[in-house]
Amino acid sequence: MEIKDRKAVPPPGKRGDIARTYFYMDWAYPGHGIISKKNRKLFKAWDKEEPVDAWECERCRRIEGIQGNENPFVKGKCVERGIWRH
């Protein structure tokens, strides 16, 4: 993580993961204002720039197995890419 002009700048390879985590938190805890309008636009761009990878899908699958709930922002993209293991 790098800090530029008092702003956190995550490395390019992690931005999509961060965006999808925020989307999930905003969805799971509605009404808490987790994502601002400005950040929603940024996170959408990050999500497109850095797609899910095999590890993110595996991590999501493991969390789902333990918690019993899914993260549709990761799982859906894993299924679309054909990298979701059952």
PDB file of N, CA and C in Angstrom:
ATOM      1  N   MET A   1       0.850  -1.162   0.000  1.00  0.00           N
ATOM      2  CA  MET A   1       0.000   0.000   0.000  1.00  0.00           C
ATOM      3  C   MET A   1       0.901   1.231   0.000  1.00  0.00           C
ATOM      4  N   GLU A   2       0.563   2.178  -0.801  1.00  0.00           N
ATOM      5  CA  GLU A   2       1.323   3.415  -0.888  1.00  0.00           C
ATOM      6  C   GLU A   2       0.408   4.572  -0.482  1.00  0.00           C
ATOM      7  N   ILE A   3       0.975   5.590   0.116  1.00  0.00           N
ATOM      8  CA  ILE A   3       0.209   6.778   0.495  1.00  0.00           C
ATOM      9  C   ILE A   3       0.700   7.945  -0.356  1.00  0.00           C
ATOM     10  N   LYS A   4      -0.217   8.560  -1.105  1.00  0.00           N
ATOM     11  CA  LYS A   4       0.102   9.716  -1.944  1.00  0.00           C
ATOM     12  C   LYS A   4      -0.878  10.833  -1.615  1.00  0.00           C
ATOM     13  N   ASP A   5      -0.367  11.979  -1.289  1.00  0.00           N
ATOM     14  CA  ASP A   5      -1.225  13.133  -0.974  1.00  0.00           C
ATOM     15  C   ASP A   5      -2.320  12.773   0.025  1.00  0.00           C
ATOM     16  N   ARG A   6      -1.927  12.056   1.067  1.00  0.00           N
ATOM     17  CA  ARG A   6      -2.829  11.660   2.144  1.00  0.00           C
ATOM     18  C   ARG A   6      -3.930  10.689   1.694  1.00  0.00           C
ATOM     19  N   LYS A   7      -3.709  10.012   0.560  1.00  0.00           N
ATOM     20  CA  LYS A   7      -4.659   9.026   0.052  1.00  0.00           C
ATOM     21  C   LYS A   7      -3.961   7.679  -0.075  1.00  0.00           C
ATOM     22  N   ALA A   8      -4.664   6.628   0.315  1.00  0.00           N
ATOM     23  CA  ALA A   8      -4.133   5.281   0.181  1.00  0.00           C
ATOM     24  C   ALA A   8      -4.269   4.832  -1.273  1.00  0.00           C
ATOM     25  N   VAL A   9      -3.191   4.302  -1.812  1.00  0.00           N
ATOM     26  CA  VAL A   9      -3.177   3.830  -3.194  1.00  0.00           C
ATOM     27  C   VAL A   9      -2.748   2.357  -3.181  1.00  0.00           C
ATOM     28  N   PRO A  10      -3.717   1.443  -3.308  1.00  0.00           N
ATOM     29  CA  PRO A  10      -3.359   0.025  -3.304  1.00  0.00           C
ATOM     30  C   PRO A  10      -2.676  -0.373  -4.606  1.00  0.00           C
ATOM     31  N   PRO A  11      -1.887  -1.440  -4.562  1.00  0.00           N
ATOM     32  CA  PRO A  11      -1.214  -1.897  -5.782  1.00  0.00           C
ATOM     33  C   PRO A  11      -2.239  -2.380  -6.811  1.00  0.00           C
ATOM     34  N   PRO A  12      -1.933  -2.220  -8.093  1.00  0.00           N
ATOM     35  CA  PRO A  12      -2.882  -2.613  -9.150  1.00  0.00           C
ATOM     36  C   PRO A  12      -3.423  -4.028  -9.036  1.00  0.00           C
ATOM     37  N   GLY A  13      -2.636  -4.985  -8.634  1.00  0.00           N
ATOM     38  CA  GLY A  13      -3.079  -6.371  -8.554  1.00  0.00           C
ATOM     39  C   GLY A  13      -4.065  -6.670  -7.444  1.00  0.00           C
ATOM     40  N   LYS A  14      -4.304  -5.715  -6.565  1.00  0.00           N
ATOM     41  CA  LYS A  14      -5.223  -5.921  -5.437  1.00  0.00           C
ATOM     42  C   LYS A  14      -6.471  -5.047  -5.503  1.00  0.00           C
ATOM     43  N   ARG A  15      -6.532  -4.149  -6.433  1.00  0.00           N
ATOM     44  CA  ARG A  15      -7.645  -3.187  -6.494  1.00  0.00           C
ATOM     45  C   ARG A  15      -8.996  -3.853  -6.735  1.00  0.00           C
ATOM     46  N   GLY A  16      -9.036  -4.845  -7.616  1.00  0.00           N
ATOM     47  CA  GLY A  16     -10.298  -5.550  -7.865  1.00  0.00           C
ATOM     48  C   GLY A  16     -10.774  -6.286  -6.627  1.00  0.00           C
ATOM     49  N   ASP A  17      -9.850  -6.923  -5.923  1.00  0.00           N
ATOM     50  CA  ASP A  17     -10.193  -7.633  -4.679  1.00  0.00           C
ATOM     51  C   ASP A  17     -10.791  -6.652  -3.664  1.00  0.00           C
ATOM     52  N   ILE A  18     -10.162  -5.494  -3.541  1.00  0.00           N
ATOM     53  CA  ILE A  18     -10.637  -4.475  -2.599  1.00  0.00           C
ATOM     54  C   ILE A  18     -12.022  -3.992  -3.002  1.00  0.00           C
ATOM     55  N   ALA A  19     -12.210  -3.733  -4.280  1.00  0.00           N
ATOM     56  CA  ALA A  19     -13.508  -3.259  -4.764  1.00  0.00           C
ATOM     57  C   ALA A  19     -14.611  -4.271  -4.458  1.00  0.00           C
ATOM     58  N   ARG A  20     -14.353  -5.537  -4.756  1.00  0.00           N
ATOM     59  CA  ARG A  20     -15.373  -6.563  -4.523  1.00  0.00           C
ATOM     60  C   ARG A  20     -15.649  -6.760  -3.032  1.00  0.00           C
ATOM     61  N   THR A  21     -14.647  -6.554  -2.205  1.00  0.00           N
ATOM     62  CA  THR A  21     -14.859  -6.617  -0.752  1.00  0.00           C
ATOM     63  C   THR A  21     -15.779  -5.488  -0.309  1.00  0.00           C
ATOM     64  N   TYR A  22     -15.542  -4.289  -0.808  1.00  0.00           N
ATOM     65  CA  TYR A  22     -16.410  -3.156  -0.466  1.00  0.00           C
ATOM     66  C   TYR A  22     -17.833  -3.370  -0.982  1.00  0.00           C
ATOM     67  N   PHE A  23     -17.971  -3.887  -2.211  1.00  0.00           N
ATOM     68  CA  PHE A  23     -19.315  -4.159  -2.743  1.00  0.00           C
ATOM     69  C   PHE A  23     -20.067  -5.131  -1.834  1.00  0.00           C
ATOM     70  N   TYR A  24     -19.358  -6.176  -1.389  1.00  0.00           N
ATOM     71  CA  TYR A  24     -19.981  -7.153  -0.503  1.00  0.00           C
ATOM     72  C   TYR A  24     -20.392  -6.497   0.819  1.00  0.00           C
ATOM     73  N   MET A  25     -19.509  -5.741   1.426  1.00  0.00           N
ATOM     74  CA  MET A  25     -19.812  -5.108   2.720  1.00  0.00           C
ATOM     75  C   MET A  25     -20.988  -4.141   2.587  1.00  0.00           C
ATOM     76  N   ASP A  26     -21.028  -3.396   1.500  1.00  0.00           N
ATOM     77  CA  ASP A  26     -22.128  -2.454   1.270  1.00  0.00           C
ATOM     78  C   ASP A  26     -23.451  -3.203   1.100  1.00  0.00           C
ATOM     79  N   TRP A  27     -23.392  -4.354   0.433  1.00  0.00           N
ATOM     80  CA  TRP A  27     -24.581  -5.188   0.205  1.00  0.00           C
ATOM     81  C   TRP A  27     -25.014  -5.882   1.496  1.00  0.00           C
ATOM     82  N   ALA A  28     -24.062  -6.402   2.251  1.00  0.00           N
ATOM     83  CA  ALA A  28     -24.362  -7.154   3.469  1.00  0.00           C
ATOM     84  C   ALA A  28     -24.834  -6.264   4.618  1.00  0.00           C
ATOM     85  N   TYR A  29     -24.400  -5.007   4.616  1.00  0.00           N
ATOM     86  CA  TYR A  29     -24.749  -4.079   5.693  1.00  0.00           C
ATOM     87  C   TYR A  29     -25.354  -2.804   5.100  1.00  0.00           C
ATOM     88  N   PRO A  30     -26.552  -2.919   4.531  1.00  0.00           N
ATOM     89  CA  PRO A  30     -27.171  -1.766   3.868  1.00  0.00           C
ATOM     90  C   PRO A  30     -27.475  -0.632   4.862  1.00  0.00           C
ATOM     91  N   GLY A  31     -27.467   0.574   4.324  1.00  0.00           N
ATOM     92  CA  GLY A  31     -27.820   1.734   5.130  1.00  0.00           C
ATOM     93  C   GLY A  31     -26.687   2.286   5.970  1.00  0.00           C
ATOM     94  N   HIS A  32     -25.506   1.717   5.855  1.00  0.00           N
ATOM     95  CA  HIS A  32     -24.373   2.191   6.651  1.00  0.00           C
ATOM     96  C   HIS A  32     -23.461   3.139   5.868  1.00  0.00           C
ATOM     97  N   GLY A  33     -23.785   3.406   4.621  1.00  0.00           N
ATOM     98  CA  GLY A  33     -22.990   4.330   3.814  1.00  0.00           C
ATOM     99  C   GLY A  33     -21.554   3.876   3.630  1.00  0.00           C
ATOM    100  N   ILE A  34     -21.357   2.615   3.383  1.00  0.00           N
ATOM    101  CA  ILE A  34     -20.005   2.066   3.278  1.00  0.00           C
ATOM    102  C   ILE A  34     -19.289   2.588   2.035  1.00  0.00           C
ATOM    103  N   ILE A  35     -20.010   2.747   0.927  1.00  0.00           N
ATOM    104  CA  ILE A  35     -19.394   3.235  -0.305  1.00  0.00           C
ATOM    105  C   ILE A  35     -20.040   4.560  -0.709  1.00  0.00           C
ATOM    106  N   SER A  36     -19.214   5.581  -0.871  1.00  0.00           N
ATOM    107  CA  SER A  36     -19.711   6.872  -1.357  1.00  0.00           C
ATOM    108  C   SER A  36     -19.927   6.783  -2.869  1.00  0.00           C
ATOM    109  N   LYS A  37     -20.650   7.739  -3.442  1.00  0.00           N
ATOM    110  CA  LYS A  37     -20.876   7.744  -4.891  1.00  0.00           C
ATOM    111  C   LYS A  37     -19.546   7.826  -5.645  1.00  0.00           C
ATOM    112  N   LYS A  38     -18.653   8.654  -5.139  1.00  0.00           N
ATOM    113  CA  LYS A  38     -17.342   8.817  -5.773  1.00  0.00           C
ATOM    114  C   LYS A  38     -16.568   7.492  -5.751  1.00  0.00           C
ATOM    115  N   ASN A  39     -16.555   6.832  -4.608  1.00  0.00           N
ATOM    116  CA  ASN A  39     -15.827   5.575  -4.511  1.00  0.00           C
ATOM    117  C   ASN A  39     -16.501   4.446  -5.275  1.00  0.00           C
ATOM    118  N   ARG A  40     -17.824   4.459  -5.388  1.00  0.00           N
ATOM    119  CA  ARG A  40     -18.516   3.423  -6.156  1.00  0.00           C
ATOM    120  C   ARG A  40     -18.021   3.438  -7.602  1.00  0.00           C
ATOM    121  N   LYS A  41     -17.886   4.606  -8.165  1.00  0.00           N
ATOM    122  CA  LYS A  41     -17.403   4.728  -9.544  1.00  0.00           C
ATOM    123  C   LYS A  41     -15.969   4.192  -9.654  1.00  0.00           C
ATOM    124  N   LEU A  42     -15.128   4.541  -8.699  1.00  0.00           N
ATOM    125  CA  LEU A  42     -13.747   4.071  -8.670  1.00  0.00           C
ATOM    126  C   LEU A  42     -13.700   2.551  -8.532  1.00  0.00           C
ATOM    127  N   PHE A  43     -14.502   2.010  -7.613  1.00  0.00           N
ATOM    128  CA  PHE A  43     -14.500   0.568  -7.382  1.00  0.00           C
ATOM    129  C   PHE A  43     -15.020  -0.197  -8.597  1.00  0.00           C
ATOM    130  N   LYS A  44     -15.973   0.352  -9.313  1.00  0.00           N
ATOM    131  CA  LYS A  44     -16.454  -0.304 -10.537  1.00  0.00           C
ATOM    132  C   LYS A  44     -15.332  -0.400 -11.562  1.00  0.00           C
ATOM    133  N   ALA A  45     -14.549   0.669 -11.660  1.00  0.00           N
ATOM    134  CA  ALA A  45     -13.415   0.653 -12.594  1.00  0.00           C
ATOM    135  C   ALA A  45     -12.378  -0.383 -12.151  1.00  0.00           C
ATOM    136  N   TRP A  46     -12.077  -0.427 -10.860  1.00  0.00           N
ATOM    137  CA  TRP A  46     -11.118  -1.408 -10.343  1.00  0.00           C
ATOM    138  C   TRP A  46     -11.600  -2.829 -10.588  1.00  0.00           C
ATOM    139  N   ASP A  47     -12.893  -3.061 -10.402  1.00  0.00           N
ATOM    140  CA  ASP A  47     -13.472  -4.387 -10.602  1.00  0.00           C
ATOM    141  C   ASP A  47     -13.277  -4.844 -12.052  1.00  0.00           C
ATOM    142  N   LYS A  48     -13.457  -3.927 -12.995  1.00  0.00           N
ATOM    143  CA  LYS A  48     -13.276  -4.261 -14.415  1.00  0.00           C
ATOM    144  C   LYS A  48     -11.808  -4.458 -14.772  1.00  0.00           C
ATOM    145  N   GLU A  49     -10.943  -3.619 -14.200  1.00  0.00           N
ATOM    146  CA  GLU A  49      -9.517  -3.666 -14.524  1.00  0.00           C
ATOM    147  C   GLU A  49      -8.841  -4.945 -14.042  1.00  0.00           C
ATOM    148  N   GLU A  50      -9.265  -5.425 -12.876  1.00  0.00           N
ATOM    149  CA  GLU A  50      -8.593  -6.580 -12.276  1.00  0.00           C
ATOM    150  C   GLU A  50      -9.623  -7.655 -11.965  1.00  0.00           C
ATOM    151  N   PRO A  51      -9.818  -8.602 -12.888  1.00  0.00           N
ATOM    152  CA  PRO A  51     -10.832  -9.645 -12.678  1.00  0.00           C
ATOM    153  C   PRO A  51     -10.442 -10.623 -11.571  1.00  0.00           C
ATOM    154  N   VAL A  52     -11.403 -11.423 -11.142  1.00  0.00           N
ATOM    155  CA  VAL A  52     -11.141 -12.449 -10.131  1.00  0.00           C
ATOM    156  C   VAL A  52     -10.086 -13.423 -10.649  1.00  0.00           C
ATOM    157  N   ASP A  53      -9.319 -13.965  -9.732  1.00  0.00           N
ATOM    158  CA  ASP A  53      -8.349 -14.988 -10.093  1.00  0.00           C
ATOM    159  C   ASP A  53      -8.686 -16.260  -9.307  1.00  0.00           C
ATOM    160  N   ALA A  54      -7.944 -17.308  -9.574  1.00  0.00           N
ATOM    161  CA  ALA A  54      -8.240 -18.604  -8.953  1.00  0.00           C
ATOM    162  C   ALA A  54      -8.179 -18.532  -7.427  1.00  0.00           C
ATOM    163  N   TRP A  55      -7.199 -17.796  -6.881  1.00  0.00           N
ATOM    164  CA  TRP A  55      -7.092 -17.720  -5.424  1.00  0.00           C
ATOM    165  C   TRP A  55      -8.279 -16.976  -4.807  1.00  0.00           C
ATOM    166  N   GLU A  56      -8.708 -15.880  -5.417  1.00  0.00           N
ATOM    167  CA  GLU A  56      -9.854 -15.138  -4.877  1.00  0.00           C
ATOM    168  C   GLU A  56     -11.103 -16.019  -4.878  1.00  0.00           C
ATOM    169  N   CYS A  57     -11.263 -16.825  -5.915  1.00  0.00           N
ATOM    170  CA  CYS A  57     -12.410 -17.738  -5.992  1.00  0.00           C
ATOM    171  C   CYS A  57     -12.320 -18.820  -4.920  1.00  0.00           C
ATOM    172  N   GLU A  58     -11.141 -19.369  -4.732  1.00  0.00           N
ATOM    173  CA  GLU A  58     -10.951 -20.405  -3.718  1.00  0.00           C
ATOM    174  C   GLU A  58     -11.196 -19.835  -2.323  1.00  0.00           C
ATOM    175  N   ARG A  59     -10.676 -18.655  -2.067  1.00  0.00           N
ATOM    176  CA  ARG A  59     -10.880 -17.995  -0.775  1.00  0.00           C
ATOM    177  C   ARG A  59     -12.369 -17.770  -0.519  1.00  0.00           C
ATOM    178  N   CYS A  60     -13.066 -17.293  -1.538  1.00  0.00           N
ATOM    179  CA  CYS A  60     -14.509 -17.060  -1.439  1.00  0.00           C
ATOM    180  C   CYS A  60     -15.241 -18.367  -1.141  1.00  0.00           C
ATOM    181  N   ARG A  61     -14.848 -19.440  -1.821  1.00  0.00           N
ATOM    182  CA  ARG A  61     -15.482 -20.744  -1.618  1.00  0.00           C
ATOM    183  C   ARG A  61     -15.271 -21.231  -0.185  1.00  0.00           C
ATOM    184  N   ARG A  62     -14.062 -21.055   0.322  1.00  0.00           N
ATOM    185  CA  ARG A  62     -13.767 -21.479   1.698  1.00  0.00           C
ATOM    186  C   ARG A  62     -14.580 -20.673   2.719  1.00  0.00           C
ATOM    187  N   ILE A  63     -14.641 -19.371   2.525  1.00  0.00           N
ATOM    188  CA  ILE A  63     -15.414 -18.525   3.442  1.00  0.00           C
ATOM    189  C   ILE A  63     -16.881 -18.915   3.408  1.00  0.00           C
ATOM    190  N   GLU A  64     -17.402 -19.163   2.212  1.00  0.00           N
ATOM    191  CA  GLU A  64     -18.802 -19.590   2.081  1.00  0.00           C
ATOM    192  C   GLU A  64     -19.035 -20.891   2.841  1.00  0.00           C
ATOM    193  N   GLY A  65     -18.088 -21.817   2.749  1.00  0.00           N
ATOM    194  CA  GLY A  65     -18.220 -23.094   3.448  1.00  0.00           C
ATOM    195  C   GLY A  65     -18.240 -22.944   4.960  1.00  0.00           C
ATOM    196  N   ILE A  66     -17.463 -22.012   5.467  1.00  0.00           N
ATOM    197  CA  ILE A  66     -17.393 -21.786   6.912  1.00  0.00           C
ATOM    198  C   ILE A  66     -18.581 -20.950   7.409  1.00  0.00           C
ATOM    199  N   GLN A  67     -18.857 -19.854   6.730  1.00  0.00           N
ATOM    200  CA  GLN A  67     -19.907 -18.929   7.182  1.00  0.00           C
ATOM    201  C   GLN A  67     -21.306 -19.345   6.751  1.00  0.00           C
ATOM    202  N   GLY A  68     -21.391 -20.035   5.620  1.00  0.00           N
ATOM    203  CA  GLY A  68     -22.695 -20.447   5.126  1.00  0.00           C
ATOM    204  C   GLY A  68     -23.400 -19.411   4.259  1.00  0.00           C
ATOM    205  N   ASN A  69     -22.739 -18.298   3.987  1.00  0.00           N
ATOM    206  CA  ASN A  69     -23.312 -17.293   3.095  1.00  0.00           C
ATOM    207  C   ASN A  69     -22.323 -16.987   1.978  1.00  0.00           C
ATOM    208  N   GLU A  70     -22.848 -16.572   0.833  1.00  0.00           N
ATOM    209  CA  GLU A  70     -21.970 -16.341  -0.308  1.00  0.00           C
ATOM    210  C   GLU A  70     -21.713 -14.868  -0.554  1.00  0.00           C
ATOM    211  N   ASN A  71     -20.647 -14.621  -1.279  1.00  0.00           N
ATOM    212  CA  ASN A  71     -20.335 -13.276  -1.743  1.00  0.00           C
ATOM    213  C   ASN A  71     -20.652 -13.264  -3.237  1.00  0.00           C
ATOM    214  N   PRO A  72     -21.823 -12.737  -3.615  1.00  0.00           N
ATOM    215  CA  PRO A  72     -22.217 -12.785  -5.025  1.00  0.00           C
ATOM    216  C   PRO A  72     -21.320 -11.960  -5.936  1.00  0.00           C
ATOM    217  N   PHE A  73     -20.584 -11.015  -5.381  1.00  0.00           N
ATOM    218  CA  PHE A  73     -19.719 -10.154  -6.187  1.00  0.00           C
ATOM    219  C   PHE A  73     -18.450 -10.874  -6.618  1.00  0.00           C
ATOM    220  N   VAL A  74     -18.093 -11.909  -5.904  1.00  0.00           N
ATOM    221  CA  VAL A  74     -16.941 -12.724  -6.289  1.00  0.00           C
ATOM    222  C   VAL A  74     -17.437 -14.012  -6.951  1.00  0.00           C
ATOM    223  N   LYS A  75     -18.343 -14.712  -6.296  1.00  0.00           N
ATOM    224  CA  LYS A  75     -18.792 -16.008  -6.796  1.00  0.00           C
ATOM    225  C   LYS A  75     -19.359 -15.909  -8.214  1.00  0.00           C
ATOM    226  N   GLY A  76     -20.172 -14.917  -8.463  1.00  0.00           N
ATOM    227  CA  GLY A  76     -20.762 -14.762  -9.793  1.00  0.00           C
ATOM    228  C   GLY A  76     -19.711 -14.619 -10.879  1.00  0.00           C
ATOM    229  N   LYS A  77     -18.677 -13.852 -10.587  1.00  0.00           N
ATOM    230  CA  LYS A  77     -17.609 -13.662 -11.566  1.00  0.00           C
ATOM    231  C   LYS A  77     -16.768 -14.928 -11.733  1.00  0.00           C
ATOM    232  N   CYS A  78     -16.606 -15.680 -10.650  1.00  0.00           N
ATOM    233  CA  CYS A  78     -15.870 -16.947 -10.729  1.00  0.00           C
ATOM    234  C   CYS A  78     -16.624 -17.940 -11.608  1.00  0.00           C
ATOM    235  N   VAL A  79     -17.936 -18.009 -11.414  1.00  0.00           N
ATOM    236  CA  VAL A  79     -18.776 -18.903 -12.215  1.00  0.00           C
ATOM    237  C   VAL A  79     -18.703 -18.490 -13.683  1.00  0.00           C
ATOM    238  N   GLU A  80     -18.829 -17.183 -13.952  1.00  0.00           N
ATOM    239  CA  GLU A  80     -18.766 -16.674 -15.325  1.00  0.00           C
ATOM    240  C   GLU A  80     -17.454 -17.065 -16.004  1.00  0.00           C
ATOM    241  N   ARG A  81     -16.356 -17.011 -15.269  1.00  0.00           N
ATOM    242  CA  ARG A  81     -15.044 -17.325 -15.830  1.00  0.00           C
ATOM    243  C   ARG A  81     -14.747 -18.815 -15.834  1.00  0.00           C
ATOM    244  N   GLY A  82     -15.634 -19.608 -15.253  1.00  0.00           N
ATOM    245  CA  GLY A  82     -15.444 -21.061 -15.232  1.00  0.00           C
ATOM    246  C   GLY A  82     -14.378 -21.516 -14.265  1.00  0.00           C
ATOM    247  N   ILE A  83     -14.141 -20.731 -13.189  1.00  0.00           N
ATOM    248  CA  ILE A  83     -13.115 -21.120 -12.225  1.00  0.00           C
ATOM    249  C   ILE A  83     -13.690 -21.333 -10.828  1.00  0.00           C
ATOM    250  N   TRP A  84     -14.994 -21.583 -10.745  1.00  0.00           N
ATOM    251  CA  TRP A  84     -15.610 -21.880  -9.443  1.00  0.00           C
ATOM    252  C   TRP A  84     -15.603 -23.381  -9.232  1.00  0.00           C
ATOM    253  N   ARG A  85     -14.966 -23.834  -8.150  1.00  0.00           N
ATOM    254  CA  ARG A  85     -14.943 -25.250  -7.802  1.00  0.00           C
ATOM    255  C   ARG A  85     -16.080 -25.541  -6.843  1.00  0.00           C
ATOM    256  N   HIS A  86     -16.755 -26.629  -7.049  1.00  0.00           N
ATOM    257  CA  HIS A  86     -17.861 -27.007  -6.148  1.00  0.00           C
ATOM    258  C   HIS A  86     -17.376 -27.915  -5.063  1.00  0.00           C
TER     259      HIS A  86
END
